[in-house]
Amino acid sequence: MTVEVQVRDNNVDQALRALKKKMQREGLYREMRMRRHYEKPSERRAREKAEAIRRFRKLMKKRAERDEA
């Protein structure tokens, strides 16, 4: 996986912002953080289950807000 950004008009700050945004969208920051330390398979399953529950609750909250409006 390669993330590339072109620097235009020697504007490195703008290119750096674009790079950070692309990395955020691709999930590279999260992956780097996860790979810093070994995660036991049981911890991984627990984390993924908690994330799924969180996503489901968020979806149900959005649906409830949409339905009552």
N, C-alpha and C. Protein backbone atom coordinates (compact mmCIF):
# COMPACT_ATOMS: atom_id res chain seq x y z
N MET A 1 0.84 -1.17 0.00
CA MET A 1 0.00 0.00 0.00
C MET A 1 0.89 1.24 0.00
N THR A 2 0.71 2.07 -0.98
CA THR A 2 1.52 3.26 -1.10
C THR A 2 0.63 4.49 -1.13
N VAL A 3 0.94 5.45 -0.28
CA VAL A 3 0.21 6.71 -0.26
C VAL A 3 1.14 7.76 -0.82
N GLU A 4 0.70 8.40 -1.88
CA GLU A 4 1.54 9.41 -2.53
C GLU A 4 0.81 10.73 -2.59
N VAL A 5 1.59 11.82 -2.44
CA VAL A 5 1.06 13.16 -2.55
C VAL A 5 2.06 13.97 -3.35
N GLN A 6 1.56 14.76 -4.27
CA GLN A 6 2.45 15.60 -5.07
C GLN A 6 2.58 16.98 -4.42
N VAL A 7 3.80 17.49 -4.42
CA VAL A 7 4.06 18.83 -3.88
C VAL A 7 3.96 19.80 -5.05
N ARG A 8 3.04 20.76 -4.92
CA ARG A 8 2.85 21.74 -5.98
C ARG A 8 3.34 23.10 -5.52
N ASP A 9 4.03 23.79 -6.37
CA ASP A 9 4.53 25.15 -6.10
C ASP A 9 5.37 25.21 -4.83
N ASN A 10 6.15 24.17 -4.57
CA ASN A 10 7.01 24.09 -3.38
C ASN A 10 6.24 24.32 -2.08
N ASN A 11 4.96 23.97 -2.06
CA ASN A 11 4.14 24.15 -0.88
C ASN A 11 4.11 22.82 -0.10
N VAL A 12 5.11 22.64 0.75
CA VAL A 12 5.26 21.39 1.49
C VAL A 12 4.19 21.26 2.57
N ASP A 13 3.81 22.40 3.18
CA ASP A 13 2.80 22.35 4.24
C ASP A 13 1.47 21.81 3.71
N GLN A 14 1.08 22.26 2.55
CA GLN A 14 -0.17 21.80 1.96
C GLN A 14 -0.08 20.31 1.61
N ALA A 15 1.05 19.89 1.09
CA ALA A 15 1.25 18.49 0.74
C ALA A 15 1.23 17.61 2.00
N LEU A 16 1.83 18.11 3.07
CA LEU A 16 1.84 17.36 4.33
C LEU A 16 0.43 17.21 4.89
N ARG A 17 -0.37 18.26 4.80
CA ARG A 17 -1.77 18.17 5.25
C ARG A 17 -2.53 17.14 4.43
N ALA A 18 -2.31 17.15 3.11
CA ALA A 18 -2.99 16.19 2.23
C ALA A 18 -2.55 14.77 2.56
N LEU A 19 -1.26 14.59 2.84
CA LEU A 19 -0.74 13.26 3.19
C LEU A 19 -1.38 12.75 4.48
N LYS A 20 -1.45 13.61 5.48
CA LYS A 20 -2.05 13.21 6.76
C LYS A 20 -3.51 12.84 6.57
N LYS A 21 -4.22 13.59 5.76
CA LYS A 21 -5.63 13.30 5.51
C LYS A 21 -5.79 11.95 4.81
N LYS A 22 -4.92 11.69 3.82
CA LYS A 22 -4.98 10.41 3.11
C LYS A 22 -4.67 9.25 4.05
N MET A 23 -3.66 9.42 4.90
CA MET A 23 -3.29 8.37 5.84
C MET A 23 -4.43 8.10 6.82
N GLN A 24 -5.10 9.16 7.25
CA GLN A 24 -6.23 9.00 8.16
C GLN A 24 -7.34 8.21 7.49
N ARG A 25 -7.66 8.57 6.24
CA ARG A 25 -8.72 7.89 5.51
C ARG A 25 -8.40 6.43 5.27
N GLU A 26 -7.14 6.13 4.99
CA GLU A 26 -6.73 4.75 4.72
C GLU A 26 -6.63 3.91 5.99
N GLY A 27 -6.62 4.55 7.14
CA GLY A 27 -6.53 3.82 8.40
C GLY A 27 -5.11 3.46 8.78
N LEU A 28 -4.14 4.15 8.21
CA LEU A 28 -2.74 3.82 8.50
C LEU A 28 -2.33 4.21 9.91
N TYR A 29 -2.83 5.33 10.43
CA TYR A 29 -2.49 5.73 11.79
C TYR A 29 -2.94 4.67 12.78
N ARG A 30 -4.15 4.20 12.58
CA ARG A 30 -4.70 3.20 13.48
C ARG A 30 -3.91 1.90 13.39
N GLU A 31 -3.56 1.52 12.19
CA GLU A 31 -2.80 0.28 12.00
C GLU A 31 -1.42 0.39 12.63
N MET A 32 -0.77 1.54 12.48
CA MET A 32 0.56 1.72 13.09
C MET A 32 0.46 1.62 14.60
N ARG A 33 -0.58 2.22 15.17
CA ARG A 33 -0.76 2.17 16.62
C ARG A 33 -1.00 0.73 17.07
N MET A 34 -1.78 -0.03 16.29
CA MET A 34 -2.08 -1.40 16.66
C MET A 34 -0.84 -2.29 16.56
N ARG A 35 0.05 -1.99 15.65
CA ARG A 35 1.22 -2.85 15.43
C ARG A 35 2.39 -2.53 16.35
N ARG A 36 2.26 -1.50 17.17
CA ARG A 36 3.36 -1.16 18.08
C ARG A 36 3.63 -2.27 19.08
N HIS A 37 2.56 -2.91 19.54
CA HIS A 37 2.68 -3.97 20.54
C HIS A 37 1.92 -5.19 20.06
N TYR A 38 2.39 -6.34 20.48
CA TYR A 38 1.71 -7.58 20.14
C TYR A 38 0.38 -7.63 20.86
N GLU A 39 -0.63 -8.06 20.14
CA GLU A 39 -1.96 -8.19 20.73
C GLU A 39 -2.34 -9.67 20.71
N LYS A 40 -2.63 -10.19 21.88
CA LYS A 40 -3.01 -11.60 21.97
C LYS A 40 -4.30 -11.82 21.20
N PRO A 41 -4.47 -13.02 20.62
CA PRO A 41 -5.70 -13.30 19.87
C PRO A 41 -6.97 -13.09 20.69
N SER A 42 -6.93 -13.44 21.98
CA SER A 42 -8.13 -13.24 22.81
C SER A 42 -8.43 -11.75 22.98
N GLU A 43 -7.37 -10.94 23.12
CA GLU A 43 -7.56 -9.49 23.24
C GLU A 43 -8.10 -8.92 21.93
N ARG A 44 -7.62 -9.46 20.82
CA ARG A 44 -8.08 -9.00 19.50
C ARG A 44 -9.56 -9.29 19.31
N ARG A 45 -9.96 -10.50 19.68
CA ARG A 45 -11.38 -10.85 19.56
C ARG A 45 -12.25 -9.95 20.43
N ALA A 46 -11.80 -9.70 21.65
CA ALA A 46 -12.57 -8.85 22.56
C ALA A 46 -12.67 -7.43 22.01
N ARG A 47 -11.57 -6.92 21.47
CA ARG A 47 -11.56 -5.56 20.91
C ARG A 47 -12.49 -5.48 19.71
N GLU A 48 -12.42 -6.47 18.83
CA GLU A 48 -13.26 -6.45 17.63
C GLU A 48 -14.73 -6.57 18.00
N LYS A 49 -15.04 -7.38 19.01
CA LYS A 49 -16.43 -7.52 19.44
C LYS A 49 -16.93 -6.19 20.02
N ALA A 50 -16.10 -5.54 20.82
CA ALA A 50 -16.48 -4.25 21.40
C ALA A 50 -16.68 -3.20 20.31
N GLU A 51 -15.82 -3.22 19.30
CA GLU A 51 -15.96 -2.27 18.18
C GLU A 51 -17.26 -2.52 17.42
N ALA A 52 -17.60 -3.79 17.22
CA ALA A 52 -18.83 -4.12 16.51
C ALA A 52 -20.05 -3.65 17.30
N ILE A 53 -20.02 -3.84 18.60
CA ILE A 53 -21.13 -3.39 19.45
C ILE A 53 -21.24 -1.87 19.39
N ARG A 54 -20.11 -1.19 19.43
CA ARG A 54 -20.10 0.27 19.36
C ARG A 54 -20.68 0.76 18.03
N ARG A 55 -20.28 0.11 16.93
CA ARG A 55 -20.80 0.49 15.62
C ARG A 55 -22.31 0.26 15.55
N PHE A 56 -22.76 -0.87 16.08
CA PHE A 56 -24.18 -1.21 16.05
C PHE A 56 -24.99 -0.19 16.85
N ARG A 57 -24.51 0.17 18.04
CA ARG A 57 -25.22 1.15 18.87
C ARG A 57 -25.27 2.51 18.18
N LYS A 58 -24.19 2.88 17.53
CA LYS A 58 -24.16 4.15 16.81
C LYS A 58 -25.18 4.14 15.68
N LEU A 59 -25.25 3.03 14.96
CA LEU A 59 -26.21 2.90 13.87
C LEU A 59 -27.64 2.98 14.39
N MET A 60 -27.92 2.28 15.49
CA MET A 60 -29.26 2.30 16.06
C MET A 60 -29.62 3.70 16.56
N LYS A 61 -28.66 4.41 17.12
CA LYS A 61 -28.90 5.78 17.58
C LYS A 61 -29.24 6.69 16.40
N LYS A 62 -28.50 6.54 15.30
CA LYS A 62 -28.79 7.33 14.11
C LYS A 62 -30.17 7.03 13.56
N ARG A 63 -30.53 5.74 13.53
CA ARG A 63 -31.86 5.35 13.04
C ARG A 63 -32.96 5.91 13.92
N ALA A 64 -32.76 5.87 15.24
CA ALA A 64 -33.76 6.39 16.17
C ALA A 64 -33.94 7.89 15.98
N GLU A 65 -32.83 8.60 15.81
CA GLU A 65 -32.90 10.06 15.58
C GLU A 65 -33.61 10.37 14.27
N ARG A 66 -33.34 9.58 13.25
CA ARG A 66 -33.96 9.79 11.95
C ARG A 66 -35.46 9.50 12.00
N ASP A 67 -35.84 8.47 12.73
CA ASP A 67 -37.24 8.06 12.77
C ASP A 67 -38.10 9.04 13.57
N GLU A 68 -37.54 9.63 14.61
CA GLU A 68 -38.34 10.54 15.43
C GLU A 68 -38.45 11.92 14.81
N ALA A 69 -37.62 12.23 13.86
CA ALA A 69 -37.68 13.57 13.22
C ALA A 69 -38.70 13.64 12.12
